[in-house]
Protein backbone atom coordinates (compact mmCIF):
# COMPACT_ATOMS: atom_id res chain seq x y z
CA UNK A 1 32.72 -12.85 24.69
CA UNK A 2 31.75 -16.34 24.39
CA UNK A 3 28.09 -15.64 25.12
CA UNK A 4 28.03 -13.49 22.20
CA UNK A 5 29.70 -15.99 19.91
CA UNK A 6 27.24 -18.68 20.92
CA UNK A 7 24.19 -16.30 20.35
CA UNK A 8 25.35 -15.14 16.73
CA UNK A 9 26.26 -17.07 13.70
CA UNK A 10 27.47 -14.95 10.94
CA UNK A 11 29.06 -16.20 7.62
CA UNK A 12 31.16 -13.45 6.10
CA UNK A 13 32.29 -13.67 2.49
CA UNK A 14 35.21 -11.81 1.49
CA UNK A 15 35.79 -10.48 -2.18
CA UNK A 16 38.67 -12.02 -3.80
CA UNK A 17 39.87 -8.56 -4.89
CA UNK A 18 39.49 -6.76 -1.65
CA UNK A 19 38.98 -7.85 1.91
CA UNK A 20 37.73 -4.87 3.36
CA UNK A 21 34.09 -5.45 2.38
CA UNK A 22 32.77 -8.53 4.19
CA UNK A 23 29.53 -9.79 3.22
CA UNK A 24 26.89 -11.00 6.03
CA UNK A 25 24.64 -13.94 5.13
CA UNK A 26 22.69 -14.68 8.32
CA UNK A 27 22.22 -13.69 11.83
CA UNK A 28 20.39 -16.32 13.46
CA UNK A 29 19.68 -14.68 16.83
CA UNK A 30 17.13 -11.89 16.83
CA UNK A 31 17.15 -10.68 20.26
CA UNK A 32 20.66 -9.02 20.55
CA UNK A 33 21.53 -6.23 22.54
CA UNK A 34 22.46 -3.05 21.16
CA UNK A 35 26.27 -3.74 21.92
CA UNK A 36 25.94 -6.91 19.92
CA UNK A 37 24.44 -5.14 17.01
CA UNK A 38 26.82 -2.38 17.19
CA UNK A 39 29.67 -5.11 17.04
CA UNK A 40 28.26 -6.66 13.86
CA UNK A 41 27.72 -3.44 11.99
CA UNK A 42 31.40 -2.32 12.66
CA UNK A 43 32.29 -5.51 10.55
CA UNK A 44 29.87 -4.64 7.92
CA UNK A 45 28.82 -1.61 5.86
CA UNK A 46 25.95 -1.68 3.38
CA UNK A 47 26.66 0.34 0.04
CA UNK A 48 25.08 3.36 -1.54
CA UNK A 49 25.09 2.61 -5.21
CA UNK A 50 25.56 5.41 -8.00
CA UNK A 51 23.34 8.43 -7.54
CA UNK A 52 20.32 9.25 -9.79
CA UNK A 53 19.11 12.75 -10.43
CA UNK A 54 15.92 13.48 -11.77
CA UNK A 55 16.17 16.03 -14.42
CA UNK A 56 14.55 19.53 -13.64
CA UNK A 57 13.93 18.78 -10.10
CA UNK A 58 15.97 18.73 -6.96
CA UNK A 59 15.31 15.09 -6.25
CA UNK A 60 18.50 12.85 -5.59
CA UNK A 61 18.11 9.07 -5.33
CA UNK A 62 20.54 7.13 -3.52
CA UNK A 63 19.87 3.30 -3.92
CA UNK A 64 20.86 1.20 -1.32
CA UNK A 65 22.25 -2.24 -1.73
CA UNK A 66 23.98 -4.95 0.31
CA UNK A 67 27.11 -5.37 -1.79
CA UNK A 68 28.95 -4.09 -4.71
CA UNK A 69 28.10 -4.00 -8.15
CA UNK A 70 31.20 -6.03 -9.26
CA UNK A 71 30.39 -8.62 -6.74
CA UNK A 72 26.85 -9.20 -8.41
CA UNK A 73 28.49 -9.31 -11.85
CA UNK A 74 30.57 -12.11 -11.09
CA UNK A 75 28.87 -15.29 -10.41
CA UNK A 76 32.40 -17.12 -10.46
CA UNK A 77 32.80 -15.67 -6.61
CA UNK A 78 29.34 -16.87 -5.17
CA UNK A 79 26.94 -19.50 -6.14
CA UNK A 80 23.92 -18.45 -7.95
CA UNK A 81 21.81 -18.94 -5.12
CA UNK A 82 23.81 -17.13 -2.71
CA UNK A 83 23.95 -14.01 -5.23
CA UNK A 84 20.24 -14.02 -6.22
CA UNK A 85 19.51 -14.30 -2.32
CA UNK A 86 20.38 -10.77 -1.94
CA UNK A 87 18.26 -7.95 -3.74
CA UNK A 88 19.77 -5.43 -6.16
CA UNK A 89 18.56 -2.82 -3.82
CA UNK A 90 16.72 -3.25 -0.47
CA UNK A 91 15.92 0.46 -0.14
CA UNK A 92 16.09 4.03 -1.67
CA UNK A 93 17.22 7.17 -0.08
CA UNK A 94 15.31 10.31 -1.45
CA UNK A 95 17.31 13.87 -0.86
CA UNK A 96 15.91 17.20 -1.74
CA UNK A 97 19.07 19.33 -2.40
CA UNK A 98 17.12 22.34 -2.25
CA UNK A 99 15.55 21.87 1.19
CA UNK A 100 17.84 19.35 2.61
CA UNK A 101 14.85 16.96 3.31
CA UNK A 102 15.80 13.17 3.14
CA UNK A 103 13.30 10.51 3.41
CA UNK A 104 13.56 6.42 2.75
CA UNK A 105 11.15 4.96 0.05
CA UNK A 106 9.61 2.52 2.58
CA UNK A 107 10.46 1.25 6.13
CA UNK A 108 9.13 -2.08 5.02
CA UNK A 109 11.45 -5.18 4.01
CA UNK A 110 11.49 -5.14 0.39
CA UNK A 111 13.93 -6.02 -2.73
CA UNK A 112 14.03 -3.52 -5.48
CA UNK A 113 14.96 -5.26 -8.82
CA UNK A 114 14.84 -2.10 -11.11
CA UNK A 115 13.21 1.35 -11.14
CA UNK A 116 12.63 3.92 -13.78
CA UNK A 117 11.92 7.77 -13.81
CA UNK A 118 11.29 10.76 -16.06
CA UNK A 119 9.55 8.15 -18.52
CA UNK A 120 9.39 9.84 -21.84
CA UNK A 121 6.30 9.70 -24.11
CA UNK A 122 4.08 9.05 -21.31
CA UNK A 123 1.07 10.73 -20.07
CA UNK A 124 0.90 13.85 -17.41
CA UNK A 125 0.64 11.37 -14.28
CA UNK A 126 3.56 8.73 -15.28
CA UNK A 127 5.80 11.32 -16.29
CA UNK A 128 5.88 12.68 -12.63
CA UNK A 129 6.06 9.17 -11.21
CA UNK A 130 8.81 6.43 -10.53
CA UNK A 131 7.79 2.74 -11.49
CA UNK A 132 9.59 -0.09 -9.62
CA UNK A 133 9.82 -3.98 -9.83
CA UNK A 134 9.47 -4.64 -6.22
CA UNK A 135 9.21 -7.88 -4.09
CA UNK A 136 7.55 -7.69 -0.51
CA UNK A 137 6.01 -10.85 0.29
CA UNK A 138 7.37 -14.32 1.08
CA UNK A 139 5.22 -16.25 -1.08
CA UNK A 140 6.41 -19.64 -1.00
CA UNK A 141 6.60 -19.28 2.92
CA UNK A 142 10.25 -20.67 3.24
CA UNK A 143 11.26 -17.75 5.45
CA UNK A 144 13.56 -16.47 2.96
CA UNK A 145 13.02 -13.27 0.80
CA UNK A 146 14.64 -13.90 -2.35
CA UNK A 147 14.39 -14.30 -5.98
CA UNK A 148 11.90 -17.37 -5.51
CA UNK A 149 9.27 -14.95 -4.41
CA UNK A 150 7.27 -12.72 -6.79
CA UNK A 151 8.33 -9.07 -7.97
CA UNK A 152 5.12 -6.77 -8.29
CA UNK A 153 4.93 -3.50 -10.45
CA UNK A 154 4.73 -0.13 -7.64
CA UNK A 155 4.74 3.46 -8.46
CA UNK A 156 5.68 6.21 -6.26
CA UNK A 157 6.08 10.06 -6.47
CA UNK A 158 9.13 11.58 -7.66
CA UNK A 159 10.01 12.08 -4.11
CA UNK A 160 9.49 8.58 -3.04
CA UNK A 161 6.28 9.26 -1.38
CA UNK A 162 3.01 7.29 -1.68
CA UNK A 163 4.77 4.10 -2.95
CA UNK A 164 1.50 2.03 -4.25
CA UNK A 165 1.21 -1.37 -5.56
CA UNK A 166 -0.09 -1.54 -9.14
CA UNK A 167 -0.08 -5.55 -10.12
CA UNK A 168 -1.95 -8.05 -7.92
CA UNK A 169 -0.54 -9.36 -4.77
CA UNK A 170 1.16 -13.08 -5.17
CA UNK A 171 1.43 -12.69 -9.10
CA UNK A 172 4.83 -12.82 -10.55
CA UNK A 173 5.43 -9.56 -12.71
CA UNK A 174 7.10 -10.52 -16.21
CA UNK A 175 6.81 -7.66 -18.17
CA UNK A 176 5.29 -4.10 -18.67
CA UNK A 177 4.95 -1.44 -21.39
CA UNK A 178 3.35 2.12 -21.19
CA UNK A 179 0.92 3.06 -23.95
CA UNK A 180 2.56 5.89 -25.59
CA UNK A 181 1.51 9.22 -24.67
CA UNK A 182 -0.88 8.10 -22.17
CA UNK A 183 -1.03 7.15 -18.35
CA UNK A 184 -1.90 3.44 -19.14
CA UNK A 185 0.08 0.47 -18.66
CA UNK A 186 -0.13 -2.98 -19.99
CA UNK A 187 1.67 -5.61 -18.04
CA UNK A 188 1.80 -9.51 -17.65
CA UNK A 189 1.88 -11.90 -14.71
CA UNK A 190 2.63 -15.41 -13.93
CA UNK A 191 -0.64 -16.75 -11.70
CA UNK A 192 0.22 -19.93 -9.67
CA UNK A 193 -2.81 -21.59 -10.89
CA UNK A 194 -1.71 -24.97 -9.49
CA UNK A 195 -0.78 -23.54 -6.38
CA UNK A 196 2.71 -25.05 -5.75
CA UNK A 197 3.87 -21.91 -4.39
CA UNK A 198 6.28 -21.58 -7.51
CA UNK A 199 5.97 -19.64 -10.92
CA UNK A 200 6.86 -21.50 -13.86
CA UNK A 201 5.88 -23.12 -17.30
CA UNK A 202 3.03 -24.88 -15.36
CA UNK A 203 1.35 -21.57 -14.55
CA UNK A 204 -0.76 -19.14 -16.34
CA UNK A 205 0.03 -16.06 -18.29
CA UNK A 206 -2.44 -13.07 -17.36
CA UNK A 207 -2.37 -9.60 -19.15
CA UNK A 208 -3.69 -6.71 -17.47
CA UNK A 209 -4.25 -2.96 -18.20
CA UNK A 210 -4.47 -0.30 -15.87
CA UNK A 211 -5.12 3.71 -16.36
CA UNK A 212 -3.75 5.72 -13.59
CA UNK A 213 -5.94 8.54 -14.36
CA UNK A 214 -9.03 6.49 -13.47
CA UNK A 215 -9.39 5.37 -10.04
CA UNK A 216 -9.58 1.36 -9.86
CA UNK A 217 -9.28 0.68 -13.54
CA UNK A 218 -7.23 -2.43 -13.09
CA UNK A 219 -8.50 -5.12 -15.33
CA UNK A 220 -7.49 -8.37 -17.12
CA UNK A 221 -7.30 -7.98 -21.07
CA UNK A 222 -7.87 -11.50 -21.86
CA UNK A 223 -10.56 -13.17 -19.54
CA UNK A 224 -10.81 -16.93 -18.83
CA UNK A 225 -13.32 -17.62 -21.55
CA UNK A 226 -10.90 -15.81 -24.01
CA UNK A 227 -7.87 -17.84 -22.85
CA UNK A 228 -9.90 -21.02 -22.99
CA UNK A 229 -10.86 -20.45 -26.42
CA UNK A 230 -7.24 -19.59 -27.31
CA UNK A 231 -5.98 -22.57 -25.83
CA UNK A 232 -8.57 -24.86 -27.67
CA UNK A 233 -7.78 -23.37 -31.01
CA UNK A 234 -3.93 -23.79 -30.44
CA UNK A 235 -4.71 -27.23 -29.51
CA UNK A 236 -6.78 -28.10 -32.46
CA UNK A 237 -4.68 -26.38 -35.23
CA UNK A 238 -1.19 -27.09 -33.85
CA UNK A 239 -1.08 -30.14 -31.58
CA UNK A 240 -3.67 -32.47 -33.08
CA UNK A 241 -2.15 -34.47 -35.75
CA UNK A 242 -3.70 -34.25 -39.23
CA UNK A 243 -5.43 -37.34 -40.68
């Protein structure tokens, strides 16, 4: 028992309303025996969030999270860093209620901020897709996987298969919008132009369009020369003091 304790350092936070849902912050020792792993999991259960049903299909989505939603909504219980260090969802289990088949969205480590399905006023491709905001890279190389790392735009089929990145790697997704009645998505990212491994006001906003009906159609809407022209006009018209 002493050996197990010396190998494993676990911080468990208890909800003030319920002490039956401990929250593990970190397990520092990776080379654990199955017995040690089982003893940890006996103390902690991950949570299946509210089910999502895709109309006119047999697909049921079980989003998987690391803490109950009321814990996330109350920053008073945890610091902002502690709360944001955990993803809203870390995977999704897809279940076909007709065939009984189940599959996970991915076996890779990801943090899922949001997802949408049965998208109205879209084209035939997007109407049968799920759109996600997903982080899957430790961009700042701090050996953490959290809100400081970028989110990207992903899509999959409605059964969770063929999960595909849409936005460029290592650019922070800020915003996206579907052009009505098409399979085109316009989205905005932050590009880390100064290379400080952070995404902030010192960096550059980039606008893209992708047409899912055309392979390899991702393109920047405003190119570098256009951005320079816009910046020059802004400087001359609004920042230079009139004589």
